[in-house]
PDB file of N, CA and C in Angstrom:
ATOM      1  N   MET A   1      21.573  -8.048  17.676  1.00  0.00           N
ATOM      2  CA  MET A   1      22.127  -8.686  18.848  1.00  0.00           C
ATOM      3  C   MET A   1      23.645  -8.749  18.725  1.00  0.00           C
ATOM      4  N   SER A   2      24.343  -8.299  19.725  1.00  0.00           N
ATOM      5  CA  SER A   2      25.804  -8.281  19.707  1.00  0.00           C
ATOM      6  C   SER A   2      26.390  -9.586  20.225  1.00  0.00           C
ATOM      7  N   VAL A   3      27.552  -9.882  19.704  1.00  0.00           N
ATOM      8  CA  VAL A   3      28.324 -11.021  20.195  1.00  0.00           C
ATOM      9  C   VAL A   3      29.101 -10.549  21.421  1.00  0.00           C
ATOM     10  N   TYR A   4      29.168 -11.393  22.442  1.00  0.00           N
ATOM     11  CA  TYR A   4      29.997 -11.088  23.606  1.00  0.00           C
ATOM     12  C   TYR A   4      30.588 -12.384  24.146  1.00  0.00           C
ATOM     13  N   VAL A   5      31.542 -12.233  25.052  1.00  0.00           N
ATOM     14  CA  VAL A   5      32.287 -13.378  25.570  1.00  0.00           C
ATOM     15  C   VAL A   5      31.952 -13.595  27.040  1.00  0.00           C
ATOM     16  N   VAL A   6      31.796 -14.866  27.405  1.00  0.00           N
ATOM     17  CA  VAL A   6      31.575 -15.247  28.795  1.00  0.00           C
ATOM     18  C   VAL A   6      32.698 -16.202  29.196  1.00  0.00           C
ATOM     19  N   LYS A   7      33.344 -15.871  30.297  1.00  0.00           N
ATOM     20  CA  LYS A   7      34.410 -16.727  30.840  1.00  0.00           C
ATOM     21  C   LYS A   7      33.759 -17.901  31.556  1.00  0.00           C
ATOM     22  N   HIS A   8      34.253 -19.106  31.269  1.00  0.00           N
ATOM     23  CA  HIS A   8      33.668 -20.325  31.822  1.00  0.00           C
ATOM     24  C   HIS A   8      34.784 -21.218  32.356  1.00  0.00           C
ATOM     25  N   ILE A   9      34.581 -21.781  33.535  1.00  0.00           N
ATOM     26  CA  ILE A   9      35.521 -22.754  34.109  1.00  0.00           C
ATOM     27  C   ILE A   9      34.970 -24.147  33.812  1.00  0.00           C
ATOM     28  N   ASN A  10      35.687 -24.904  33.001  1.00  0.00           N
ATOM     29  CA  ASN A  10      35.249 -26.240  32.615  1.00  0.00           C
ATOM     30  C   ASN A  10      35.813 -27.245  33.632  1.00  0.00           C
ATOM     31  N   LYS A  11      34.979 -27.610  34.588  1.00  0.00           N
ATOM     32  CA  LYS A  11      35.420 -28.505  35.667  1.00  0.00           C
ATOM     33  C   LYS A  11      35.757 -29.904  35.174  1.00  0.00           C
ATOM     34  N   SER A  12      35.109 -30.330  34.088  1.00  0.00           N
ATOM     35  CA  SER A  12      35.390 -31.674  33.574  1.00  0.00           C
ATOM     36  C   SER A  12      36.699 -31.712  32.780  1.00  0.00           C
ATOM     37  N   GLU A  13      37.312 -30.554  32.545  1.00  0.00           N
ATOM     38  CA  GLU A  13      38.607 -30.478  31.849  1.00  0.00           C
ATOM     39  C   GLU A  13      39.662 -29.852  32.765  1.00  0.00           C
ATOM     40  N   ASN A  14      39.714 -30.318  34.010  1.00  0.00           N
ATOM     41  CA  ASN A  14      40.734 -29.873  34.968  1.00  0.00           C
ATOM     42  C   ASN A  14      40.658 -28.364  35.233  1.00  0.00           C
ATOM     43  N   ASN A  15      39.428 -27.841  35.342  1.00  0.00           N
ATOM     44  CA  ASN A  15      39.176 -26.414  35.609  1.00  0.00           C
ATOM     45  C   ASN A  15      39.770 -25.489  34.549  1.00  0.00           C
ATOM     46  N   ARG A  16      39.748 -25.948  33.318  1.00  0.00           N
ATOM     47  CA  ARG A  16      40.255 -25.143  32.207  1.00  0.00           C
ATOM     48  C   ARG A  16      39.370 -23.907  32.013  1.00  0.00           C
ATOM     49  N   VAL A  17      40.008 -22.757  31.807  1.00  0.00           N
ATOM     50  CA  VAL A  17      39.286 -21.517  31.541  1.00  0.00           C
ATOM     51  C   VAL A  17      39.010 -21.440  30.047  1.00  0.00           C
ATOM     52  N   GLU A  18      37.722 -21.310  29.713  1.00  0.00           N
ATOM     53  CA  GLU A  18      37.286 -21.222  28.328  1.00  0.00           C
ATOM     54  C   GLU A  18      36.474 -19.941  28.162  1.00  0.00           C
ATOM     55  N   TYR A  19      36.439 -19.438  26.946  1.00  0.00           N
ATOM     56  CA  TYR A  19      35.698 -18.222  26.640  1.00  0.00           C
ATOM     57  C   TYR A  19      34.639 -18.557  25.594  1.00  0.00           C
ATOM     58  N   LEU A  20      33.384 -18.497  26.028  1.00  0.00           N
ATOM     59  CA  LEU A  20      32.264 -18.830  25.161  1.00  0.00           C
ATOM     60  C   LEU A  20      31.825 -17.590  24.393  1.00  0.00           C
ATOM     61  N   LEU A  21      31.588 -17.745  23.104  1.00  0.00           N
ATOM     62  CA  LEU A  21      31.118 -16.634  22.277  1.00  0.00           C
ATOM     63  C   LEU A  21      29.596 -16.700  22.225  1.00  0.00           C
ATOM     64  N   VAL A  22      28.951 -15.809  22.941  1.00  0.00           N
ATOM     65  CA  VAL A  22      27.493 -15.778  23.046  1.00  0.00           C
ATOM     66  C   VAL A  22      26.929 -15.006  21.851  1.00  0.00           C
ATOM     67  N   ASN A  23      25.824 -15.503  21.309  1.00  0.00           N
ATOM     68  CA  ASN A  23      25.166 -14.952  20.117  1.00  0.00           C
ATOM     69  C   ASN A  23      25.997 -15.159  18.855  1.00  0.00           C
ATOM     70  N   PHE A  24      26.815 -16.189  18.863  1.00  0.00           N
ATOM     71  CA  PHE A  24      27.650 -16.504  17.697  1.00  0.00           C
ATOM     72  C   PHE A  24      27.781 -18.020  17.587  1.00  0.00           C
ATOM     73  N   ASP A  25      26.663 -18.685  17.398  1.00  0.00           N
ATOM     74  CA  ASP A  25      26.649 -20.144  17.315  1.00  0.00           C
ATOM     75  C   ASP A  25      26.536 -20.565  15.854  1.00  0.00           C
ATOM     76  N   TYR A  26      27.674 -20.477  15.158  1.00  0.00           N
ATOM     77  CA  TYR A  26      27.707 -20.826  13.745  1.00  0.00           C
ATOM     78  C   TYR A  26      28.748 -21.915  13.517  1.00  0.00           C
ATOM     79  N   PHE A  27      28.368 -22.949  12.795  1.00  0.00           N
ATOM     80  CA  PHE A  27      29.265 -24.063  12.505  1.00  0.00           C
ATOM     81  C   PHE A  27      30.561 -23.571  11.860  1.00  0.00           C
ATOM     82  N   ASP A  28      30.456 -22.685  10.866  1.00  0.00           N
ATOM     83  CA  ASP A  28      31.641 -22.167  10.182  1.00  0.00           C
ATOM     84  C   ASP A  28      32.113 -20.834  10.751  1.00  0.00           C
ATOM     85  N   GLY A  29      31.541 -20.404  11.861  1.00  0.00           N
ATOM     86  CA  GLY A  29      31.915 -19.128  12.455  1.00  0.00           C
ATOM     87  C   GLY A  29      33.364 -19.064  12.890  1.00  0.00           C
ATOM     88  N   ASN A  30      33.912 -20.189  13.298  1.00  0.00           N
ATOM     89  CA  ASN A  30      35.303 -20.190  13.753  1.00  0.00           C
ATOM     90  C   ASN A  30      36.273 -19.911  12.616  1.00  0.00           C
ATOM     91  N   ASP A  31      35.867 -20.180  11.378  1.00  0.00           N
ATOM     92  CA  ASP A  31      36.725 -19.827  10.244  1.00  0.00           C
ATOM     93  C   ASP A  31      36.924 -18.316  10.200  1.00  0.00           C
ATOM     94  N   LEU A  32      35.848 -17.571  10.425  1.00  0.00           N
ATOM     95  CA  LEU A  32      35.934 -16.111  10.458  1.00  0.00           C
ATOM     96  C   LEU A  32      36.756 -15.634  11.655  1.00  0.00           C
ATOM     97  N   ILE A  33      36.543 -16.239  12.814  1.00  0.00           N
ATOM     98  CA  ILE A  33      37.317 -15.863  14.010  1.00  0.00           C
ATOM     99  C   ILE A  33      38.809 -16.123  13.769  1.00  0.00           C
ATOM    100  N   ALA A  34      39.149 -17.264  13.182  1.00  0.00           N
ATOM    101  CA  ALA A  34      40.551 -17.583  12.885  1.00  0.00           C
ATOM    102  C   ALA A  34      41.138 -16.553  11.916  1.00  0.00           C
ATOM    103  N   LYS A  35      40.352 -16.146  10.928  1.00  0.00           N
ATOM    104  CA  LYS A  35      40.808 -15.140   9.965  1.00  0.00           C
ATOM    105  C   LYS A  35      41.090 -13.813  10.676  1.00  0.00           C
ATOM    106  N   LEU A  36      40.225 -13.423  11.615  1.00  0.00           N
ATOM    107  CA  LEU A  36      40.442 -12.188  12.362  1.00  0.00           C
ATOM    108  C   LEU A  36      41.687 -12.273  13.244  1.00  0.00           C
ATOM    109  N   PHE A  37      41.929 -13.430  13.854  1.00  0.00           N
ATOM    110  CA  PHE A  37      43.145 -13.613  14.656  1.00  0.00           C
ATOM    111  C   PHE A  37      44.394 -13.511  13.774  1.00  0.00           C
ATOM    112  N   TYR A  38      44.290 -13.995  12.539  1.00  0.00           N
ATOM    113  CA  TYR A  38      45.425 -13.877  11.621  1.00  0.00           C
ATOM    114  C   TYR A  38      45.657 -12.418  11.238  1.00  0.00           C
ATOM    115  N   GLN A  39      44.585 -11.723  10.860  1.00  0.00           N
ATOM    116  CA  GLN A  39      44.713 -10.327  10.439  1.00  0.00           C
ATOM    117  C   GLN A  39      45.240  -9.437  11.563  1.00  0.00           C
ATOM    118  N   GLU A  40      44.753  -9.659  12.761  1.00  0.00           N
ATOM    119  CA  GLU A  40      45.104  -8.781  13.883  1.00  0.00           C
ATOM    120  C   GLU A  40      46.417  -9.175  14.559  1.00  0.00           C
ATOM    121  N   TYR A  41      46.693 -10.482  14.674  1.00  0.00           N
ATOM    122  CA  TYR A  41      47.841 -10.948  15.470  1.00  0.00           C
ATOM    123  C   TYR A  41      48.789 -11.869  14.704  1.00  0.00           C
ATOM    124  N   GLN A  42      48.546 -12.060  13.413  1.00  0.00           N
ATOM    125  CA  GLN A  42      49.346 -12.940  12.560  1.00  0.00           C
ATOM    126  C   GLN A  42      49.419 -14.367  13.108  1.00  0.00           C
ATOM    127  N   MET A  43      48.353 -14.792  13.774  1.00  0.00           N
ATOM    128  CA  MET A  43      48.303 -16.162  14.283  1.00  0.00           C
ATOM    129  C   MET A  43      47.935 -17.097  13.131  1.00  0.00           C
ATOM    130  N   LEU A  44      48.683 -18.153  12.992  1.00  0.00           N
ATOM    131  CA  LEU A  44      48.442 -19.129  11.938  1.00  0.00           C
ATOM    132  C   LEU A  44      47.458 -20.176  12.430  1.00  0.00           C
ATOM    133  N   SER A  45      46.697 -20.721  11.508  1.00  0.00           N
ATOM    134  CA  SER A  45      45.753 -21.775  11.878  1.00  0.00           C
ATOM    135  C   SER A  45      46.122 -23.053  11.147  1.00  0.00           C
ATOM    136  N   GLU A  46      45.975 -24.151  11.848  1.00  0.00           N
ATOM    137  CA  GLU A  46      46.175 -25.450  11.232  1.00  0.00           C
ATOM    138  C   GLU A  46      44.883 -25.834  10.528  1.00  0.00           C
ATOM    139  N   GLU A  47      44.932 -26.891   9.749  1.00  0.00           N
ATOM    140  CA  GLU A  47      43.744 -27.347   9.039  1.00  0.00           C
ATOM    141  C   GLU A  47      42.644 -27.704  10.037  1.00  0.00           C
ATOM    142  N   LYS A  48      41.440 -27.275   9.725  1.00  0.00           N
ATOM    143  CA  LYS A  48      40.307 -27.518  10.612  1.00  0.00           C
ATOM    144  C   LYS A  48      40.028 -29.014  10.708  1.00  0.00           C
ATOM    145  N   ILE A  49      39.786 -29.462  11.930  1.00  0.00           N
ATOM    146  CA  ILE A  49      39.390 -30.845  12.184  1.00  0.00           C
ATOM    147  C   ILE A  49      37.871 -30.863  12.306  1.00  0.00           C
ATOM    148  N   ASP A  50      37.214 -31.570  11.411  1.00  0.00           N
ATOM    149  CA  ASP A  50      35.754 -31.662  11.433  1.00  0.00           C
ATOM    150  C   ASP A  50      35.327 -33.013  11.973  1.00  0.00           C
ATOM    151  N   GLY A  51      34.565 -32.970  13.041  1.00  0.00           N
ATOM    152  CA  GLY A  51      33.967 -34.181  13.583  1.00  0.00           C
ATOM    153  C   GLY A  51      32.474 -34.171  13.310  1.00  0.00           C
ATOM    154  N   ILE A  52      31.783 -35.146  13.808  1.00  0.00           N
ATOM    155  CA  ILE A  52      30.334 -35.226  13.593  1.00  0.00           C
ATOM    156  C   ILE A  52      29.621 -34.120  14.359  1.00  0.00           C
ATOM    157  N   HIS A  53      30.030 -33.861  15.585  1.00  0.00           N
ATOM    158  CA  HIS A  53      29.339 -32.904  16.446  1.00  0.00           C
ATOM    159  C   HIS A  53      30.199 -31.693  16.812  1.00  0.00           C
ATOM    160  N   TYR A  54      31.362 -31.552  16.194  1.00  0.00           N
ATOM    161  CA  TYR A  54      32.282 -30.490  16.570  1.00  0.00           C
ATOM    162  C   TYR A  54      33.250 -30.179  15.437  1.00  0.00           C
ATOM    163  N   SER A  55      33.928 -29.045  15.549  1.00  0.00           N
ATOM    164  CA  SER A  55      35.085 -28.737  14.699  1.00  0.00           C
ATOM    165  C   SER A  55      36.107 -28.004  15.567  1.00  0.00           C
ATOM    166  N   ILE A  56      37.381 -28.174  15.226  1.00  0.00           N
ATOM    167  CA  ILE A  56      38.476 -27.567  15.986  1.00  0.00           C
ATOM    168  C   ILE A  56      39.443 -26.900  15.013  1.00  0.00           C
ATOM    169  N   ILE A  57      39.812 -25.672  15.343  1.00  0.00           N
ATOM    170  CA  ILE A  57      40.878 -24.978  14.628  1.00  0.00           C
ATOM    171  C   ILE A  57      41.942 -24.621  15.660  1.00  0.00           C
ATOM    172  N   LYS A  58      43.155 -25.059  15.413  1.00  0.00           N
ATOM    173  CA  LYS A  58      44.269 -24.739  16.306  1.00  0.00           C
ATOM    174  C   LYS A  58      44.965 -23.495  15.764  1.00  0.00           C
ATOM    175  N   LEU A  59      45.087 -22.474  16.630  1.00  0.00           N
ATOM    176  CA  LEU A  59      45.775 -21.232  16.285  1.00  0.00           C
ATOM    177  C   LEU A  59      47.095 -21.181  17.034  1.00  0.00           C
ATOM    178  N   HIS A  60      48.131 -20.636  16.379  1.00  0.00           N
ATOM    179  CA  HIS A  60      49.414 -20.538  17.076  1.00  0.00           C
ATOM    180  C   HIS A  60      50.284 -19.434  16.487  1.00  0.00           C
ATOM    181  N   LYS A  61      51.112 -18.915  17.339  1.00  0.00           N
ATOM    182  CA  LYS A  61      52.174 -17.977  16.957  1.00  0.00           C
ATOM    183  C   LYS A  61      53.206 -18.012  18.077  1.00  0.00           C
ATOM    184  N   ASP A  62      54.441 -18.267  17.701  1.00  0.00           N
ATOM    185  CA  ASP A  62      55.518 -18.402  18.676  1.00  0.00           C
ATOM    186  C   ASP A  62      55.117 -19.444  19.730  1.00  0.00           C
ATOM    187  N   PHE A  63      55.028 -19.047  20.996  1.00  0.00           N
ATOM    188  CA  PHE A  63      54.694 -20.000  22.057  1.00  0.00           C
ATOM    189  C   PHE A  63      53.236 -19.914  22.494  1.00  0.00           C
ATOM    190  N   THR A  64      52.434 -19.147  21.756  1.00  0.00           N
ATOM    191  CA  THR A  64      51.023 -18.988  22.077  1.00  0.00           C
ATOM    192  C   THR A  64      50.205 -19.965  21.248  1.00  0.00           C
ATOM    193  N   GLU A  65      49.337 -20.719  21.914  1.00  0.00           N
ATOM    194  CA  GLU A  65      48.487 -21.686  21.224  1.00  0.00           C
ATOM    195  C   GLU A  65      47.066 -21.626  21.780  1.00  0.00           C
ATOM    196  N   TYR A  66      46.103 -21.538  20.869  1.00  0.00           N
ATOM    197  CA  TYR A  66      44.693 -21.544  21.240  1.00  0.00           C
ATOM    198  C   TYR A  66      43.972 -22.648  20.479  1.00  0.00           C
ATOM    199  N   ASP A  67      42.956 -23.195  21.100  1.00  0.00           N
ATOM    200  CA  ASP A  67      42.024 -24.088  20.411  1.00  0.00           C
ATOM    201  C   ASP A  67      40.710 -23.345  20.267  1.00  0.00           C
ATOM    202  N   LEU A  68      40.243 -23.251  19.050  1.00  0.00           N
ATOM    203  CA  LEU A  68      39.003 -22.579  18.711  1.00  0.00           C
ATOM    204  C   LEU A  68      38.029 -23.679  18.304  1.00  0.00           C
ATOM    205  N   ILE A  69      36.932 -23.811  19.041  1.00  0.00           N
ATOM    206  CA  ILE A  69      36.059 -24.976  18.884  1.00  0.00           C
ATOM    207  C   ILE A  69      34.618 -24.556  18.654  1.00  0.00           C
ATOM    208  N   TRP A  70      33.956 -25.285  17.780  1.00  0.00           N
ATOM    209  CA  TRP A  70      32.505 -25.244  17.677  1.00  0.00           C
ATOM    210  C   TRP A  70      32.016 -26.628  18.082  1.00  0.00           C
ATOM    211  N   HIS A  71      31.056 -26.656  19.000  1.00  0.00           N
ATOM    212  CA  HIS A  71      30.444 -27.919  19.415  1.00  0.00           C
ATOM    213  C   HIS A  71      28.940 -27.719  19.403  1.00  0.00           C
ATOM    214  N   GLU A  72      28.221 -28.702  18.909  1.00  0.00           N
ATOM    215  CA  GLU A  72      26.774 -28.532  18.748  1.00  0.00           C
ATOM    216  C   GLU A  72      26.045 -28.296  20.065  1.00  0.00           C
ATOM    217  N   ASP A  73      26.623 -28.695  21.184  1.00  0.00           N
ATOM    218  CA  ASP A  73      25.971 -28.499  22.483  1.00  0.00           C
ATOM    219  C   ASP A  73      26.206 -27.115  23.085  1.00  0.00           C
ATOM    220  N   VAL A  74      27.357 -26.503  22.794  1.00  0.00           N
ATOM    221  CA  VAL A  74      27.688 -25.221  23.444  1.00  0.00           C
ATOM    222  C   VAL A  74      27.977 -24.085  22.473  1.00  0.00           C
ATOM    223  N   GLY A  75      28.143 -24.364  21.215  1.00  0.00           N
ATOM    224  CA  GLY A  75      28.445 -23.319  20.243  1.00  0.00           C
ATOM    225  C   GLY A  75      29.939 -23.103  20.100  1.00  0.00           C
ATOM    226  N   ASN A  76      30.328 -21.845  19.889  1.00  0.00           N
ATOM    227  CA  ASN A  76      31.721 -21.493  19.633  1.00  0.00           C
ATOM    228  C   ASN A  76      32.415 -21.078  20.925  1.00  0.00           C
ATOM    229  N   TYR A  77      33.639 -21.560  21.121  1.00  0.00           N
ATOM    230  CA  TYR A  77      34.437 -21.145  22.272  1.00  0.00           C
ATOM    231  C   TYR A  77      35.920 -21.304  21.967  1.00  0.00           C
ATOM    232  N   ILE A  78      36.733 -20.661  22.798  1.00  0.00           N
ATOM    233  CA  ILE A  78      38.178 -20.670  22.602  1.00  0.00           C
ATOM    234  C   ILE A  78      38.854 -20.801  23.967  1.00  0.00           C
ATOM    235  N   PHE A  79      40.016 -21.432  23.974  1.00  0.00           N
ATOM    236  CA  PHE A  79      40.814 -21.478  25.199  1.00  0.00           C
ATOM    237  C   PHE A  79      42.293 -21.523  24.841  1.00  0.00           C
ATOM    238  N   SER A  80      43.099 -21.093  25.792  1.00  0.00           N
ATOM    239  CA  SER A  80      44.543 -21.126  25.645  1.00  0.00           C
ATOM    240  C   SER A  80      45.053 -22.462  26.164  1.00  0.00           C
ATOM    241  N   LEU A  81      45.969 -23.071  25.428  1.00  0.00           N
ATOM    242  CA  LEU A  81      46.548 -24.318  25.909  1.00  0.00           C
ATOM    243  C   LEU A  81      47.347 -24.089  27.180  1.00  0.00           C
ATOM    244  N   LYS A  82      47.988 -22.922  27.281  1.00  0.00           N
ATOM    245  CA  LYS A  82      48.645 -22.540  28.534  1.00  0.00           C
ATOM    246  C   LYS A  82      47.580 -21.883  29.393  1.00  0.00           C
ATOM    247  N   GLN A  83      47.433 -22.335  30.579  1.00  0.00           N
ATOM    248  CA  GLN A  83      46.383 -21.829  31.464  1.00  0.00           C
ATOM    249  C   GLN A  83      46.943 -20.942  32.576  1.00  0.00           C
ATOM    250  N   ASP A  84      48.124 -20.368  32.354  1.00  0.00           N
ATOM    251  CA  ASP A  84      48.682 -19.474  33.365  1.00  0.00           C
ATOM    252  C   ASP A  84      47.999 -18.107  33.270  1.00  0.00           C
ATOM    253  N   GLU A  85      48.152 -17.312  34.302  1.00  0.00           N
ATOM    254  CA  GLU A  85      47.454 -16.023  34.411  1.00  0.00           C
ATOM    255  C   GLU A  85      47.792 -15.078  33.256  1.00  0.00           C
ATOM    256  N   LEU A  86      49.039 -15.003  32.862  1.00  0.00           N
ATOM    257  CA  LEU A  86      49.456 -14.107  31.792  1.00  0.00           C
ATOM    258  C   LEU A  86      48.851 -14.514  30.437  1.00  0.00           C
ATOM    259  N   SER A  87      48.857 -15.800  30.151  1.00  0.00           N
ATOM    260  CA  SER A  87      48.283 -16.297  28.893  1.00  0.00           C
ATOM    261  C   SER A  87      46.787 -16.032  28.825  1.00  0.00           C
ATOM    262  N   LEU A  88      46.096 -16.224  29.938  1.00  0.00           N
ATOM    263  CA  LEU A  88      44.652 -15.985  29.972  1.00  0.00           C
ATOM    264  C   LEU A  88      44.333 -14.505  29.808  1.00  0.00           C
ATOM    265  N   LEU A  89      45.112 -13.653  30.437  1.00  0.00           N
ATOM    266  CA  LEU A  89      44.910 -12.212  30.312  1.00  0.00           C
ATOM    267  C   LEU A  89      45.143 -11.763  28.861  1.00  0.00           C
ATOM    268  N   GLU A  90      46.181 -12.290  28.242  1.00  0.00           N
ATOM    269  CA  GLU A  90      46.472 -11.967  26.846  1.00  0.00           C
ATOM    270  C   GLU A  90      45.321 -12.390  25.938  1.00  0.00           C
ATOM    271  N   LEU A  91      44.803 -13.591  26.142  1.00  0.00           N
ATOM    272  CA  LEU A  91      43.673 -14.062  25.336  1.00  0.00           C
ATOM    273  C   LEU A  91      42.447 -13.177  25.555  1.00  0.00           C
ATOM    274  N   GLU A  92      42.162 -12.812  26.790  1.00  0.00           N
ATOM    275  CA  GLU A  92      41.019 -11.936  27.068  1.00  0.00           C
ATOM    276  C   GLU A  92      41.153 -10.605  26.340  1.00  0.00           C
ATOM    277  N   GLN A  93      42.345 -10.018  26.359  1.00  0.00           N
ATOM    278  CA  GLN A  93      42.569  -8.740  25.691  1.00  0.00           C
ATOM    279  C   GLN A  93      42.426  -8.881  24.178  1.00  0.00           C
ATOM    280  N   ARG A  94      42.955  -9.950  23.631  1.00  0.00           N
ATOM    281  CA  ARG A  94      42.840 -10.185  22.193  1.00  0.00           C
ATOM    282  C   ARG A  94      41.386 -10.421  21.796  1.00  0.00           C
ATOM    283  N   LEU A  95      40.682 -11.184  22.606  1.00  0.00           N
ATOM    284  CA  LEU A  95      39.282 -11.459  22.304  1.00  0.00           C
ATOM    285  C   LEU A  95      38.440 -10.193  22.297  1.00  0.00           C
ATOM    286  N   GLU A  96      38.736  -9.272  23.193  1.00  0.00           N
ATOM    287  CA  GLU A  96      37.986  -8.013  23.236  1.00  0.00           C
ATOM    288  C   GLU A  96      38.088  -7.295  21.890  1.00  0.00           C
ATOM    289  N   ILE A  97      39.282  -7.254  21.332  1.00  0.00           N
ATOM    290  CA  ILE A  97      39.488  -6.586  20.041  1.00  0.00           C
ATOM    291  C   ILE A  97      38.810  -7.374  18.918  1.00  0.00           C
ATOM    292  N   ILE A  98      38.956  -8.691  18.923  1.00  0.00           N
ATOM    293  CA  ILE A  98      38.349  -9.536  17.893  1.00  0.00           C
ATOM    294  C   ILE A  98      36.826  -9.405  17.926  1.00  0.00           C
ATOM    295  N   ILE A  99      36.235  -9.432  19.102  1.00  0.00           N
ATOM    296  CA  ILE A  99      34.780  -9.343  19.230  1.00  0.00           C
ATOM    297  C   ILE A  99      34.282  -7.972  18.779  1.00  0.00           C
ATOM    298  N   ASN A 100      35.024  -6.921  19.086  1.00  0.00           N
ATOM    299  CA  ASN A 100      34.653  -5.587  18.600  1.00  0.00           C
ATOM    300  C   ASN A 100      34.645  -5.544  17.077  1.00  0.00           C
ATOM    301  N   LYS A 101      35.664  -6.102  16.452  1.00  0.00           N
ATOM    302  CA  LYS A 101      35.719  -6.161  14.989  1.00  0.00           C
ATOM    303  C   LYS A 101      34.557  -6.994  14.435  1.00  0.00           C
ATOM    304  N   LEU A 102      34.298  -8.108  15.058  1.00  0.00           N
ATOM    305  CA  LEU A 102      33.223  -8.984  14.619  1.00  0.00           C
ATOM    306  C   LEU A 102      31.865  -8.278  14.704  1.00  0.00           C
ATOM    307  N   ASN A 103      31.616  -7.589  15.795  1.00  0.00           N
ATOM    308  CA  ASN A 103      30.358  -6.869  15.954  1.00  0.00           C
ATOM    309  C   ASN A 103      30.210  -5.753  14.917  1.00  0.00           C
ATOM    310  N   LYS A 104      31.295  -5.076  14.587  1.00  0.00           N
ATOM    311  CA  LYS A 104      31.237  -4.059  13.538  1.00  0.00           C
ATOM    312  C   LYS A 104      30.895  -4.685  12.195  1.00  0.00           C
ATOM    313  N   MET A 105      31.448  -5.860  11.921  1.00  0.00           N
ATOM    314  CA  MET A 105      31.166  -6.561  10.658  1.00  0.00           C
ATOM    315  C   MET A 105      29.698  -6.964  10.593  1.00  0.00           C
ATOM    316  N   ILE A 106      29.168  -7.438  11.695  1.00  0.00           N
ATOM    317  CA  ILE A 106      27.790  -7.908  11.734  1.00  0.00           C
ATOM    318  C   ILE A 106      26.809  -6.741  11.541  1.00  0.00           C
ATOM    319  N   LYS A 107      27.136  -5.607  12.124  1.00  0.00           N
ATOM    320  CA  LYS A 107      26.246  -4.445  12.054  1.00  0.00           C
ATOM    321  C   LYS A 107      26.292  -3.756  10.698  1.00  0.00           C
ATOM    322  N   SER A 108      27.351  -4.007   9.922  1.00  0.00           N
ATOM    323  CA  SER A 108      27.496  -3.337   8.620  1.00  0.00           C
ATOM    324  C   SER A 108      26.553  -3.893   7.587  1.00  0.00           C
TER     325      SER A 108
END
């Protein structure tokens, strides 16, 4: 089963655009995703915040900031703190490459 991304509008968070990682519901999966973002885009990650029902990894480089989240109700997802059209397009393009790499790793 391949991992893929679904774009989601979170109405309870001011219509924030989020990208859900389908077939990738792993508590520590975001550690691997953060590592891939570092390898591919040199994005740095802050220390993971672990809660009872969630974990958050903040990724950043220059003026780009993403929150990478695992939540027990929805699994793994990511969103850009900037919700403008250019930032969302950039995240979508980056995610396509990251997901391709991830799927190759899983199939190996």
